[in-house]
Amino acid sequence: NIAQRFNAQVGKEFFVLPEPLFTETPKIRSTADPERKMSKSAGEKHYINVFADENRIRKQVRSAVTDTGETPSGKMSAGVENLFELLKASEAQEAYQALMADYEAGQLKYVDLKEAVADTLVALSAEFRRRKAELTADKKEVKNRIKASSDQIRKVAQETIREVKELSGLMNVRF
């Protein structure tokens, strides 16, 4: 990558090399079509808006696909697996383990799984909604913070460019 090449050319670890960020849940799938990834561009049924009101989130989870037709014996359907992944990604370990035990015992009721997922997502999204309301209430303060951050970022970027020019011998070149 470019940072690695630059560091090698100047003989110094100037740029921090980017590291991939892997999570236990690499891809969240659509609640309407669990064979596809969750995507806002696929339409409203295919993603969960964390800023939506509680009723909207619950409705979307209740309408999530669970039984996707024929699944090999002993294999969880993609829809049910997706709901379990949402529960796991939401860090609701206790509910995840209890419902997984029900599934393995053949006693899982999809309504219980959907209710647990909805409860967890509603609880998680409450903080997002609260913070959004707080920020949109004082737009002038938000603009002031953005301006202050932009000024600070600009200073850091200018210093970085100066150092890169110096290290690469391009001090007289203007960008």
N, C-alpha and C. Protein backbone atom coordinates (compact mmCIF):
# COMPACT_ATOMS: atom_id res chain seq x y z
N ASN A 1 0.83 -1.19 0.00
CA ASN A 1 0.00 0.00 0.00
C ASN A 1 0.87 1.25 0.00
N ILE A 2 0.27 2.37 -0.21
CA ILE A 2 1.02 3.61 -0.40
C ILE A 2 1.77 4.05 0.87
N ALA A 3 1.17 3.84 2.03
CA ALA A 3 1.84 4.21 3.29
C ALA A 3 3.09 3.37 3.49
N GLN A 4 2.99 2.10 3.20
CA GLN A 4 4.13 1.18 3.34
C GLN A 4 5.25 1.58 2.37
N ARG A 5 4.87 1.90 1.14
CA ARG A 5 5.86 2.28 0.13
C ARG A 5 6.56 3.58 0.52
N PHE A 6 5.79 4.56 0.99
CA PHE A 6 6.39 5.83 1.40
C PHE A 6 7.35 5.61 2.57
N ASN A 7 6.91 4.85 3.57
CA ASN A 7 7.77 4.57 4.72
C ASN A 7 9.07 3.91 4.29
N ALA A 8 8.99 2.98 3.33
CA ALA A 8 10.19 2.29 2.85
C ALA A 8 11.11 3.26 2.12
N GLN A 9 10.55 4.16 1.33
CA GLN A 9 11.35 5.11 0.56
C GLN A 9 12.08 6.11 1.45
N VAL A 10 11.42 6.55 2.51
CA VAL A 10 12.06 7.55 3.37
C VAL A 10 12.83 6.89 4.52
N GLY A 11 12.71 5.56 4.65
CA GLY A 11 13.44 4.84 5.69
C GLY A 11 12.98 5.17 7.10
N LYS A 12 11.71 5.46 7.23
CA LYS A 12 11.18 5.85 8.53
C LYS A 12 9.70 5.47 8.61
N GLU A 13 9.24 5.09 9.78
CA GLU A 13 7.82 4.76 9.97
C GLU A 13 7.04 6.07 10.17
N PHE A 14 6.81 6.79 9.09
CA PHE A 14 6.12 8.07 9.17
C PHE A 14 4.61 7.87 9.24
N PHE A 15 4.07 7.13 8.27
CA PHE A 15 2.64 6.86 8.25
C PHE A 15 2.35 5.56 8.99
N VAL A 16 1.32 5.58 9.80
CA VAL A 16 0.87 4.37 10.49
C VAL A 16 0.18 3.50 9.45
N LEU A 17 0.57 2.24 9.39
CA LEU A 17 -0.03 1.33 8.41
C LEU A 17 -1.45 0.97 8.83
N PRO A 18 -2.37 1.01 7.89
CA PRO A 18 -3.76 0.67 8.23
C PRO A 18 -3.89 -0.81 8.58
N GLU A 19 -4.71 -1.09 9.55
CA GLU A 19 -4.97 -2.46 9.98
C GLU A 19 -6.43 -2.78 9.69
N PRO A 20 -6.71 -3.96 9.17
CA PRO A 20 -8.12 -4.32 8.94
C PRO A 20 -8.86 -4.47 10.26
N LEU A 21 -10.11 -4.12 10.23
CA LEU A 21 -10.95 -4.25 11.42
C LEU A 21 -11.96 -5.36 11.16
N PHE A 22 -11.77 -6.47 11.85
CA PHE A 22 -12.68 -7.60 11.70
C PHE A 22 -13.57 -7.68 12.93
N THR A 23 -14.82 -7.98 12.71
CA THR A 23 -15.75 -8.17 13.82
C THR A 23 -16.28 -9.60 13.76
N GLU A 24 -16.90 -10.03 14.83
CA GLU A 24 -17.50 -11.37 14.84
C GLU A 24 -18.65 -11.45 13.85
N THR A 25 -19.26 -10.32 13.55
CA THR A 25 -20.37 -10.27 12.62
C THR A 25 -19.93 -9.45 11.41
N PRO A 26 -19.29 -10.11 10.44
CA PRO A 26 -18.75 -9.36 9.31
C PRO A 26 -19.80 -8.75 8.39
N LYS A 27 -20.98 -9.39 8.31
CA LYS A 27 -22.00 -8.88 7.41
C LYS A 27 -23.38 -9.13 8.02
N ILE A 28 -24.14 -8.08 8.20
CA ILE A 28 -25.52 -8.20 8.68
C ILE A 28 -26.39 -8.36 7.43
N ARG A 29 -27.29 -9.31 7.47
CA ARG A 29 -28.12 -9.58 6.31
C ARG A 29 -29.49 -8.92 6.42
N SER A 30 -30.11 -8.75 5.29
CA SER A 30 -31.43 -8.13 5.20
C SER A 30 -32.46 -8.94 5.97
N THR A 31 -33.36 -8.25 6.65
CA THR A 31 -34.44 -8.95 7.35
C THR A 31 -35.51 -9.43 6.37
N ALA A 32 -35.60 -8.80 5.20
CA ALA A 32 -36.59 -9.18 4.20
C ALA A 32 -36.09 -10.30 3.29
N ASP A 33 -34.78 -10.33 3.05
CA ASP A 33 -34.18 -11.35 2.19
C ASP A 33 -32.83 -11.71 2.78
N PRO A 34 -32.79 -12.70 3.68
CA PRO A 34 -31.55 -13.01 4.39
C PRO A 34 -30.42 -13.56 3.52
N GLU A 35 -30.68 -13.74 2.23
CA GLU A 35 -29.61 -14.15 1.32
C GLU A 35 -28.80 -12.94 0.86
N ARG A 36 -29.33 -11.74 1.10
CA ARG A 36 -28.65 -10.50 0.70
C ARG A 36 -28.17 -9.76 1.93
N LYS A 37 -27.15 -8.92 1.75
CA LYS A 37 -26.68 -8.14 2.90
C LYS A 37 -27.65 -7.00 3.16
N MET A 38 -27.67 -6.54 4.41
CA MET A 38 -28.53 -5.43 4.78
C MET A 38 -28.01 -4.19 4.05
N SER A 39 -28.91 -3.50 3.38
CA SER A 39 -28.49 -2.36 2.57
C SER A 39 -29.61 -1.35 2.44
N LYS A 40 -29.30 -0.12 2.72
CA LYS A 40 -30.28 0.95 2.61
C LYS A 40 -30.70 1.14 1.15
N SER A 41 -29.75 0.94 0.23
CA SER A 41 -30.05 1.13 -1.19
C SER A 41 -31.01 0.07 -1.73
N ALA A 42 -31.16 -1.05 -1.03
CA ALA A 42 -32.08 -2.11 -1.48
C ALA A 42 -33.53 -1.79 -1.13
N GLY A 43 -33.75 -0.77 -0.33
CA GLY A 43 -35.12 -0.39 0.03
C GLY A 43 -35.36 -0.48 1.52
N GLU A 44 -36.46 0.12 1.94
CA GLU A 44 -36.77 0.26 3.36
C GLU A 44 -36.91 -1.07 4.10
N LYS A 45 -37.36 -2.11 3.41
CA LYS A 45 -37.55 -3.41 4.06
C LYS A 45 -36.22 -4.13 4.32
N HIS A 46 -35.15 -3.65 3.72
CA HIS A 46 -33.88 -4.37 3.75
C HIS A 46 -32.87 -3.82 4.75
N TYR A 47 -33.23 -2.83 5.53
CA TYR A 47 -32.32 -2.32 6.55
C TYR A 47 -33.12 -1.86 7.77
N ILE A 48 -32.44 -1.78 8.90
CA ILE A 48 -33.08 -1.30 10.12
C ILE A 48 -32.49 0.07 10.43
N ASN A 49 -33.34 1.07 10.42
CA ASN A 49 -32.91 2.44 10.68
C ASN A 49 -32.78 2.63 12.20
N VAL A 50 -31.57 2.86 12.68
CA VAL A 50 -31.36 3.00 14.13
C VAL A 50 -31.99 4.27 14.68
N PHE A 51 -32.39 5.18 13.81
CA PHE A 51 -33.04 6.41 14.27
C PHE A 51 -34.57 6.32 14.20
N ALA A 52 -35.07 5.21 13.71
CA ALA A 52 -36.53 5.03 13.61
C ALA A 52 -37.13 4.91 15.00
N ASP A 53 -38.42 5.19 15.09
CA ASP A 53 -39.08 5.07 16.39
C ASP A 53 -39.24 3.59 16.76
N GLU A 54 -39.53 3.36 18.02
CA GLU A 54 -39.62 2.00 18.55
C GLU A 54 -40.61 1.14 17.78
N ASN A 55 -41.78 1.68 17.46
CA ASN A 55 -42.79 0.90 16.75
C ASN A 55 -42.32 0.46 15.37
N ARG A 56 -41.62 1.34 14.69
CA ARG A 56 -41.10 1.02 13.34
C ARG A 56 -40.08 -0.11 13.43
N ILE A 57 -39.18 -0.05 14.39
CA ILE A 57 -38.16 -1.10 14.55
C ILE A 57 -38.84 -2.43 14.87
N ARG A 58 -39.78 -2.40 15.80
CA ARG A 58 -40.48 -3.63 16.18
C ARG A 58 -41.24 -4.23 14.99
N LYS A 59 -41.90 -3.37 14.22
CA LYS A 59 -42.65 -3.84 13.06
C LYS A 59 -41.71 -4.51 12.06
N GLN A 60 -40.57 -3.90 11.84
CA GLN A 60 -39.62 -4.46 10.87
C GLN A 60 -39.08 -5.81 11.33
N VAL A 61 -38.76 -5.92 12.61
CA VAL A 61 -38.25 -7.19 13.13
C VAL A 61 -39.35 -8.25 13.10
N ARG A 62 -40.58 -7.87 13.45
CA ARG A 62 -41.69 -8.84 13.42
C ARG A 62 -41.93 -9.37 12.01
N SER A 63 -41.67 -8.54 11.00
CA SER A 63 -41.90 -8.97 9.62
C SER A 63 -40.68 -9.65 9.01
N ALA A 64 -39.63 -9.84 9.78
CA ALA A 64 -38.41 -10.48 9.27
C ALA A 64 -38.71 -11.91 8.82
N VAL A 65 -38.09 -12.29 7.72
CA VAL A 65 -38.23 -13.64 7.18
C VAL A 65 -37.54 -14.61 8.12
N THR A 66 -38.22 -15.71 8.45
CA THR A 66 -37.61 -16.74 9.29
C THR A 66 -37.49 -18.05 8.53
N ASP A 67 -38.58 -18.53 7.99
CA ASP A 67 -38.57 -19.80 7.27
C ASP A 67 -38.40 -19.50 5.79
N THR A 68 -37.25 -19.85 5.27
CA THR A 68 -36.95 -19.54 3.87
C THR A 68 -37.15 -20.76 2.97
N GLY A 69 -38.02 -21.66 3.37
CA GLY A 69 -38.30 -22.84 2.56
C GLY A 69 -37.43 -24.02 2.95
N GLU A 70 -37.02 -24.77 1.96
CA GLU A 70 -36.22 -25.97 2.19
C GLU A 70 -34.85 -25.63 2.74
N THR A 71 -34.52 -26.21 3.88
CA THR A 71 -33.17 -26.11 4.43
C THR A 71 -32.72 -27.53 4.75
N PRO A 72 -31.45 -27.80 4.53
CA PRO A 72 -30.95 -29.14 4.82
C PRO A 72 -31.20 -29.52 6.28
N SER A 73 -31.44 -30.78 6.50
CA SER A 73 -31.72 -31.28 7.85
C SER A 73 -30.59 -30.89 8.80
N GLY A 74 -30.96 -30.36 9.95
CA GLY A 74 -29.97 -29.97 10.96
C GLY A 74 -29.35 -28.61 10.72
N LYS A 75 -29.73 -27.93 9.62
CA LYS A 75 -29.17 -26.61 9.33
C LYS A 75 -30.24 -25.55 9.59
N MET A 76 -29.82 -24.47 10.22
CA MET A 76 -30.72 -23.36 10.54
C MET A 76 -31.05 -22.60 9.26
N SER A 77 -32.28 -22.16 9.11
CA SER A 77 -32.64 -21.37 7.93
C SER A 77 -31.90 -20.03 8.00
N ALA A 78 -31.67 -19.45 6.82
CA ALA A 78 -30.92 -18.20 6.74
C ALA A 78 -31.60 -17.08 7.53
N GLY A 79 -32.93 -17.04 7.51
CA GLY A 79 -33.66 -16.00 8.23
C GLY A 79 -33.51 -16.11 9.73
N VAL A 80 -33.61 -17.34 10.25
CA VAL A 80 -33.45 -17.56 11.70
C VAL A 80 -32.01 -17.28 12.10
N GLU A 81 -31.08 -17.74 11.28
CA GLU A 81 -29.66 -17.49 11.56
C GLU A 81 -29.38 -15.99 11.61
N ASN A 82 -29.99 -15.25 10.70
CA ASN A 82 -29.81 -13.80 10.66
C ASN A 82 -30.32 -13.14 11.94
N LEU A 83 -31.47 -13.57 12.43
CA LEU A 83 -32.00 -13.01 13.67
C LEU A 83 -31.08 -13.33 14.85
N PHE A 84 -30.55 -14.55 14.87
CA PHE A 84 -29.59 -14.90 15.93
C PHE A 84 -28.33 -14.04 15.82
N GLU A 85 -27.88 -13.78 14.59
CA GLU A 85 -26.69 -12.93 14.39
C GLU A 85 -26.95 -11.50 14.88
N LEU A 86 -28.14 -10.99 14.62
CA LEU A 86 -28.50 -9.65 15.11
C LEU A 86 -28.48 -9.62 16.64
N LEU A 87 -29.01 -10.66 17.24
CA LEU A 87 -29.04 -10.76 18.70
C LEU A 87 -27.62 -10.82 19.26
N LYS A 88 -26.79 -11.62 18.63
CA LYS A 88 -25.40 -11.78 19.06
C LYS A 88 -24.62 -10.48 18.88
N ALA A 89 -24.80 -9.83 17.73
CA ALA A 89 -24.10 -8.57 17.45
C ALA A 89 -24.53 -7.47 18.42
N SER A 90 -25.74 -7.57 18.94
CA SER A 90 -26.26 -6.59 19.89
C SER A 90 -25.78 -6.85 21.31
N GLU A 91 -24.98 -7.88 21.45
CA GLU A 91 -24.38 -8.27 22.73
C GLU A 91 -25.42 -8.65 23.78
N ALA A 92 -26.51 -9.25 23.33
CA ALA A 92 -27.54 -9.76 24.24
C ALA A 92 -27.26 -11.25 24.46
N GLN A 93 -26.14 -11.53 25.11
CA GLN A 93 -25.66 -12.91 25.24
C GLN A 93 -26.63 -13.82 25.99
N GLU A 94 -27.23 -13.31 27.03
CA GLU A 94 -28.14 -14.13 27.83
C GLU A 94 -29.34 -14.57 26.99
N ALA A 95 -29.94 -13.63 26.29
CA ALA A 95 -31.09 -13.95 25.44
C ALA A 95 -30.65 -14.87 24.30
N TYR A 96 -29.48 -14.59 23.73
CA TYR A 96 -28.95 -15.42 22.64
C TYR A 96 -28.81 -16.87 23.09
N GLN A 97 -28.18 -17.08 24.23
CA GLN A 97 -27.95 -18.44 24.71
C GLN A 97 -29.25 -19.16 25.06
N ALA A 98 -30.17 -18.46 25.69
CA ALA A 98 -31.46 -19.07 26.06
C ALA A 98 -32.25 -19.47 24.82
N LEU A 99 -32.30 -18.57 23.83
CA LEU A 99 -33.05 -18.87 22.61
C LEU A 99 -32.36 -19.93 21.76
N MET A 100 -31.03 -19.92 21.77
CA MET A 100 -30.29 -20.95 21.03
C MET A 100 -30.55 -22.32 21.66
N ALA A 101 -30.63 -22.37 22.99
CA ALA A 101 -30.94 -23.63 23.67
C ALA A 101 -32.35 -24.10 23.27
N ASP A 102 -33.29 -23.17 23.18
CA ASP A 102 -34.64 -23.52 22.73
C ASP A 102 -34.61 -24.06 21.30
N TYR A 103 -33.81 -23.41 20.44
CA TYR A 103 -33.70 -23.85 19.05
C TYR A 103 -33.14 -25.27 18.98
N GLU A 104 -32.06 -25.50 19.71
CA GLU A 104 -31.41 -26.81 19.70
C GLU A 104 -32.31 -27.90 20.28
N ALA A 105 -33.21 -27.52 21.18
CA ALA A 105 -34.15 -28.48 21.76
C ALA A 105 -35.40 -28.63 20.89
N GLY A 106 -35.47 -27.86 19.80
CA GLY A 106 -36.62 -27.93 18.91
C GLY A 106 -37.85 -27.24 19.47
N GLN A 107 -37.64 -26.30 20.41
CA GLN A 107 -38.76 -25.64 21.07
C GLN A 107 -38.80 -24.13 20.82
N LEU A 108 -38.01 -23.66 19.87
CA LEU A 108 -37.95 -22.22 19.60
C LEU A 108 -39.23 -21.74 18.93
N LYS A 109 -39.79 -20.68 19.48
CA LYS A 109 -40.93 -20.00 18.86
C LYS A 109 -40.35 -18.75 18.21
N TYR A 110 -40.58 -18.63 16.89
CA TYR A 110 -40.02 -17.48 16.17
C TYR A 110 -40.47 -16.16 16.78
N VAL A 111 -41.67 -16.11 17.29
CA VAL A 111 -42.18 -14.87 17.90
C VAL A 111 -41.30 -14.46 19.08
N ASP A 112 -40.82 -15.44 19.85
CA ASP A 112 -39.94 -15.14 21.00
C ASP A 112 -38.60 -14.61 20.52
N LEU A 113 -38.06 -15.22 19.46
CA LEU A 113 -36.78 -14.77 18.90
C LEU A 113 -36.92 -13.34 18.37
N LYS A 114 -37.98 -13.10 17.62
CA LYS A 114 -38.19 -11.77 17.05
C LYS A 114 -38.39 -10.72 18.15
N GLU A 115 -39.11 -11.08 19.19
CA GLU A 115 -39.34 -10.15 20.31
C GLU A 115 -38.03 -9.81 21.00
N ALA A 116 -37.17 -10.80 21.20
CA ALA A 116 -35.88 -10.56 21.84
C ALA A 116 -35.00 -9.66 20.98
N VAL A 117 -34.99 -9.91 19.67
CA VAL A 117 -34.21 -9.07 18.75
C VAL A 117 -34.76 -7.65 18.76
N ALA A 118 -36.07 -7.50 18.69
CA ALA A 118 -36.68 -6.17 18.70
C ALA A 118 -36.37 -5.43 19.99
N ASP A 119 -36.50 -6.11 21.13
CA ASP A 119 -36.20 -5.47 22.43
C ASP A 119 -34.77 -4.97 22.47
N THR A 120 -33.85 -5.80 21.99
CA THR A 120 -32.44 -5.44 22.02
C THR A 120 -32.15 -4.26 21.10
N LEU A 121 -32.69 -4.30 19.88
CA LEU A 121 -32.43 -3.22 18.93
C LEU A 121 -33.08 -1.91 19.37
N VAL A 122 -34.26 -1.99 19.96
CA VAL A 122 -34.92 -0.78 20.47
C VAL A 122 -34.08 -0.17 21.59
N ALA A 123 -33.58 -1.01 22.48
CA ALA A 123 -32.75 -0.51 23.59
C ALA A 123 -31.47 0.12 23.07
N LEU A 124 -30.84 -0.52 22.09
CA LEU A 124 -29.60 0.04 21.52
C LEU A 124 -29.86 1.35 20.79
N SER A 125 -30.94 1.41 20.04
CA SER A 125 -31.20 2.59 19.23
C SER A 125 -31.69 3.78 20.05
N ALA A 126 -32.17 3.55 21.26
CA ALA A 126 -32.66 4.64 22.10
C ALA A 126 -31.56 5.68 22.33
N GLU A 127 -30.35 5.23 22.56
CA GLU A 127 -29.23 6.16 22.78
C GLU A 127 -28.92 6.94 21.50
N PHE A 128 -28.99 6.28 20.35
CA PHE A 128 -28.76 6.98 19.08
C PHE A 128 -29.81 8.06 18.87
N ARG A 129 -31.07 7.73 19.11
CA ARG A 129 -32.16 8.71 18.94
C ARG A 129 -32.01 9.87 19.91
N ARG A 130 -31.65 9.56 21.16
CA ARG A 130 -31.49 10.61 22.17
C ARG A 130 -30.37 11.56 21.76
N ARG A 131 -29.25 11.00 21.32
CA ARG A 131 -28.09 11.83 20.96
C ARG A 131 -28.39 12.66 19.71
N LYS A 132 -29.10 12.07 18.76
CA LYS A 132 -29.47 12.81 17.55
C LYS A 132 -30.36 14.00 17.90
N ALA A 133 -31.34 13.77 18.77
CA ALA A 133 -32.25 14.85 19.19
C ALA A 133 -31.46 15.95 19.89
N GLU A 134 -30.51 15.55 20.71
CA GLU A 134 -29.67 16.51 21.44
C GLU A 134 -28.87 17.37 20.45
N LEU A 135 -28.30 16.74 19.44
CA LEU A 135 -27.48 17.47 18.48
C LEU A 135 -28.32 18.36 17.57
N THR A 136 -29.47 17.88 17.15
CA THR A 136 -30.28 18.69 16.25
C THR A 136 -30.99 19.83 16.97
N ALA A 137 -31.05 19.77 18.29
CA ALA A 137 -31.69 20.83 19.06
C ALA A 137 -30.86 22.11 19.05
N ASP A 138 -29.55 21.98 18.94
CA ASP A 138 -28.68 23.16 18.96
C ASP A 138 -27.77 23.14 17.74
N LYS A 139 -28.35 23.48 16.60
CA LYS A 139 -27.62 23.41 15.33
C LYS A 139 -26.45 24.39 15.29
N LYS A 140 -26.59 25.52 15.96
CA LYS A 140 -25.52 26.51 15.95
C LYS A 140 -24.28 25.94 16.64
N GLU A 141 -24.48 25.26 17.76
CA GLU A 141 -23.36 24.64 18.49
C GLU A 141 -22.69 23.56 17.63
N VAL A 142 -23.50 22.78 16.92
CA VAL A 142 -22.94 21.74 16.05
C VAL A 142 -22.09 22.38 14.96
N LYS A 143 -22.59 23.46 14.35
CA LYS A 143 -21.82 24.15 13.31
C LYS A 143 -20.52 24.72 13.87
N ASN A 144 -20.58 25.27 15.08
CA ASN A 144 -19.36 25.80 15.71
C ASN A 144 -18.34 24.69 15.96
N ARG A 145 -18.81 23.55 16.41
CA ARG A 145 -17.90 22.42 16.66
C ARG A 145 -17.27 21.91 15.36
N ILE A 146 -18.09 21.85 14.32
CA ILE A 146 -17.58 21.40 13.02
C ILE A 146 -16.52 22.37 12.51
N LYS A 147 -16.78 23.66 12.65
CA LYS A 147 -15.80 24.67 12.21
C LYS A 147 -14.51 24.55 13.01
N ALA A 148 -14.61 24.40 14.32
CA ALA A 148 -13.42 24.26 15.16
C ALA A 148 -12.64 22.99 14.80
N SER A 149 -13.36 21.91 14.57
CA SER A 149 -12.71 20.65 14.19
C SER A 149 -12.03 20.79 12.83
N SER A 150 -12.71 21.45 11.90
CA SER A 150 -12.15 21.66 10.56
C SER A 150 -10.86 22.46 10.64
N ASP A 151 -10.86 23.50 11.46
CA ASP A 151 -9.65 24.31 11.62
C ASP A 151 -8.51 23.48 12.18
N GLN A 152 -8.80 22.67 13.17
CA GLN A 152 -7.77 21.82 13.78
C GLN A 152 -7.26 20.78 12.79
N ILE A 153 -8.17 20.17 12.05
CA ILE A 153 -7.79 19.17 11.05
C ILE A 153 -6.92 19.81 9.98
N ARG A 154 -7.29 20.99 9.55
CA ARG A 154 -6.52 21.71 8.53
C ARG A 154 -5.09 21.96 9.01
N LYS A 155 -4.92 22.38 10.26
CA LYS A 155 -3.58 22.62 10.81
C LYS A 155 -2.75 21.34 10.82
N VAL A 156 -3.35 20.25 11.27
CA VAL A 156 -2.63 18.97 11.32
C VAL A 156 -2.27 18.52 9.91
N ALA A 157 -3.20 18.66 8.96
CA ALA A 157 -2.95 18.25 7.58
C ALA A 157 -1.83 19.07 6.96
N GLN A 158 -1.82 20.38 7.21
CA GLN A 158 -0.76 21.23 6.67
C GLN A 158 0.60 20.84 7.22
N GLU A 159 0.65 20.52 8.50
CA GLU A 159 1.91 20.09 9.11
C GLU A 159 2.37 18.75 8.53
N THR A 160 1.42 17.85 8.32
CA THR A 160 1.76 16.55 7.73
C THR A 160 2.30 16.73 6.32
N ILE A 161 1.66 17.56 5.53
CA ILE A 161 2.12 17.82 4.16
C ILE A 161 3.52 18.42 4.19
N ARG A 162 3.76 19.36 5.10
CA ARG A 162 5.10 19.96 5.21
C ARG A 162 6.14 18.89 5.52
N GLU A 163 5.83 17.99 6.46
CA GLU A 163 6.77 16.93 6.83
C GLU A 163 7.00 15.96 5.68
N VAL A 164 5.94 15.62 4.94
CA VAL A 164 6.07 14.72 3.79
C VAL A 164 6.95 15.36 2.73
N LYS A 165 6.73 16.64 2.44
CA LYS A 165 7.55 17.35 1.46
C LYS A 165 9.02 17.34 1.89
N GLU A 166 9.24 17.60 3.16
CA GLU A 166 10.60 17.63 3.68
C GLU A 166 11.26 16.26 3.56
N LEU A 167 10.57 15.22 3.96
CA LEU A 167 11.12 13.86 3.89
C LEU A 167 11.36 13.40 2.46
N SER A 168 10.51 13.82 1.54
CA SER A 168 10.64 13.36 0.16
C SER A 168 11.44 14.31 -0.73
N GLY A 169 11.92 15.41 -0.15
CA GLY A 169 12.74 16.35 -0.92
C GLY A 169 11.93 17.23 -1.86
N LEU A 170 10.70 17.47 -1.54
CA LEU A 170 9.82 18.28 -2.40
C LEU A 170 9.43 19.59 -1.73
N MET A 171 10.32 20.16 -0.96
CA MET A 171 9.99 21.38 -0.20
C MET A 171 9.54 22.54 -1.08
N ASN A 172 10.05 22.64 -2.30
CA ASN A 172 9.71 23.78 -3.15
C ASN A 172 8.50 23.53 -4.05
N VAL A 173 7.91 22.36 -3.96
CA VAL A 173 6.74 22.04 -4.78
C VAL A 173 5.48 22.45 -4.04
N ARG A 174 4.59 23.15 -4.76
CA ARG A 174 3.34 23.59 -4.15
C ARG A 174 2.22 22.64 -4.55
N PHE A 175 1.38 22.29 -3.58
CA PHE A 175 0.23 21.42 -3.85
C PHE A 175 -1.03 22.23 -3.81
